[in-house]
Amino acid sequence: MKNAELTLTSLAGEKLDLSTARERAKCAGLSSMTIAANEMAPLPLPTPDMGSDDLMRLGMMYSTGSGGAPVDLVSAHMMFNLAAMRGSLEASVYRRELSKEMEREDVAEAQRCARQWLDQGRIGLVA
């Protein structure tokens, strides 16, 4: 099977080609992620229509390695950051606690990725 023919389904049910899935994973902080052709599990990636609860859930998935997500503290911090920007007080608490366990450079990377998603208009701020 050629890469161009492979499609994956995000947690939001969105069909993604392999290059789009890898791009989103990289932006989410999963730069070392590899996707085998036979791995058809949903990718835990944020989508523009996700609310604070969904983003919070993604942060929990990345922070614990559950639901098909690898343990990735940079991605977890990014998701908590996006959820907090969408109005989740709980996410801001988790983000602060998680940042205590992370290297300063990793926190900065998570913040850069969150800003990149915002700049690309993928995730909007709370009104």
Protein backbone atom coordinates (compact mmCIF):
# COMPACT_ATOMS: atom_id res chain seq x y z
CA MET A 1 0.00 0.00 0.00
CA LYS A 2 1.38 3.38 -0.97
CA ASN A 3 1.50 6.15 1.66
CA ALA A 4 -0.78 8.36 -0.44
CA GLU A 5 -3.49 5.67 -0.31
CA LEU A 6 -3.33 5.21 3.44
CA THR A 7 -5.92 7.09 5.45
CA LEU A 8 -6.26 7.33 9.20
CA THR A 9 -9.16 8.49 11.31
CA SER A 10 -8.65 11.11 14.03
CA LEU A 11 -10.49 10.84 17.35
CA ALA A 12 -12.97 13.36 15.97
CA GLY A 13 -13.74 11.00 13.07
CA GLU A 14 -11.87 13.12 10.53
CA LYS A 15 -10.24 11.15 7.67
CA LEU A 16 -6.57 12.05 7.28
CA ASP A 17 -3.96 11.01 4.73
CA LEU A 18 -0.65 9.85 6.12
CA SER A 19 1.24 13.10 5.43
CA THR A 20 -1.47 15.21 7.13
CA ALA A 21 -1.50 12.85 10.12
CA ARG A 22 2.27 13.10 10.45
CA GLU A 23 2.16 16.90 10.12
CA ARG A 24 -0.44 17.15 12.88
CA ALA A 25 1.45 14.73 15.06
CA LYS A 26 4.65 16.74 14.61
CA CYS A 27 2.87 19.98 15.48
CA ALA A 28 1.40 18.25 18.52
CA GLY A 29 4.94 17.52 19.71
CA LEU A 30 5.24 13.97 18.42
CA SER A 31 8.26 14.57 16.21
CA SER A 32 9.51 11.01 16.66
CA MET A 33 6.14 9.42 15.87
CA THR A 34 6.09 6.69 13.25
CA ILE A 35 2.93 5.22 11.81
CA ALA A 36 3.06 1.72 10.40
CA ALA A 37 0.78 0.93 7.49
CA ASN A 38 -1.06 -1.64 9.57
CA GLU A 39 -1.67 0.74 12.51
CA MET A 40 -5.15 2.02 11.82
CA ALA A 41 -5.95 3.21 15.36
CA PRO A 42 -7.38 6.73 15.68
CA LEU A 43 -4.77 9.43 16.21
CA PRO A 44 -5.27 11.56 19.32
CA LEU A 45 -4.89 14.99 17.68
CA PRO A 46 -6.73 18.26 18.29
CA THR A 47 -9.23 19.53 15.74
CA PRO A 48 -10.60 23.08 15.28
CA ASP A 49 -14.05 22.17 16.59
CA MET A 50 -12.84 20.68 19.89
CA GLY A 51 -13.99 22.38 23.06
CA SER A 52 -12.14 22.66 26.32
CA ASP A 53 -13.41 19.27 27.56
CA ASP A 54 -12.15 17.44 24.47
CA LEU A 55 -8.78 19.20 24.62
CA MET A 56 -8.56 18.43 28.33
CA ARG A 57 -9.25 14.76 27.55
CA LEU A 58 -6.43 14.78 24.97
CA GLY A 59 -4.09 16.29 27.54
CA MET A 60 -4.97 13.52 29.97
CA MET A 61 -4.41 10.91 27.27
CA TYR A 62 -0.94 12.24 26.46
CA SER A 63 0.03 12.69 30.09
CA THR A 64 -0.93 9.10 30.99
CA GLY A 65 -0.39 7.26 27.71
CA SER A 66 -4.00 6.11 27.50
CA GLY A 67 -6.44 5.83 24.60
CA GLY A 68 -3.83 5.15 21.95
CA ALA A 69 -1.69 8.16 22.81
CA PRO A 70 1.97 7.75 23.76
CA VAL A 71 3.15 9.35 26.98
CA ASP A 72 4.25 12.74 25.69
CA LEU A 73 4.46 15.55 28.24
CA VAL A 74 5.08 18.23 25.60
CA SER A 75 1.87 17.28 23.79
CA ALA A 76 -0.01 16.98 27.09
CA HIS A 77 1.08 20.48 28.10
CA MET A 78 0.09 21.80 24.68
CA MET A 79 -3.39 20.25 24.97
CA PHE A 80 -3.87 21.56 28.51
CA ASN A 81 -2.73 24.98 27.28
CA LEU A 82 -5.26 24.97 24.42
CA ALA A 83 -8.01 23.76 26.77
CA ALA A 84 -7.15 26.54 29.25
CA MET A 85 -7.34 29.06 26.41
CA ARG A 86 -10.80 27.69 25.70
CA GLY A 87 -11.81 28.42 29.30
CA SER A 88 -10.98 25.26 31.28
CA LEU A 89 -9.78 26.12 34.78
CA GLU A 90 -9.03 22.45 35.43
CA ALA A 91 -6.71 22.35 32.42
CA SER A 92 -4.76 25.35 33.71
CA VAL A 93 -4.21 23.52 37.00
CA TYR A 94 -3.01 20.36 35.23
CA ARG A 95 -0.79 22.45 32.93
CA ARG A 96 0.84 24.15 35.92
CA GLU A 97 1.40 20.82 37.73
CA LEU A 98 2.76 19.17 34.61
CA SER A 99 5.18 22.03 33.94
CA LYS A 100 6.78 21.35 37.34
CA GLU A 101 7.77 17.90 36.04
CA MET A 102 9.13 19.15 32.70
CA GLU A 103 12.36 20.71 31.54
CA ARG A 104 12.12 24.43 30.80
CA GLU A 105 12.93 23.78 27.12
CA ASP A 106 10.09 21.26 26.84
CA VAL A 107 7.59 23.73 28.33
CA ALA A 108 8.77 26.33 25.81
CA GLU A 109 8.34 23.83 22.96
CA ALA A 110 4.78 23.02 24.12
CA GLN A 111 3.95 26.71 24.22
CA ARG A 112 5.40 27.23 20.73
CA CYS A 113 3.30 24.37 19.35
CA ALA A 114 0.14 25.75 20.98
CA ARG A 115 0.85 29.18 19.48
CA GLN A 116 1.49 27.59 16.09
CA TRP A 117 -1.91 25.86 16.20
CA LEU A 118 -3.54 29.14 17.16
CA ASP A 119 -1.69 31.07 14.44
CA GLN A 120 -2.80 28.56 11.83
CA GLY A 121 -6.40 29.06 12.93
CA ARG A 122 -6.81 25.45 13.91
CA ILE A 123 -7.95 26.15 17.45
CA GLY A 124 -9.79 29.35 18.32
CA LEU A 125 -9.78 31.17 21.62
CA VAL A 126 -12.79 31.33 23.89
CA ALA A 127 -15.03 34.29 22.95
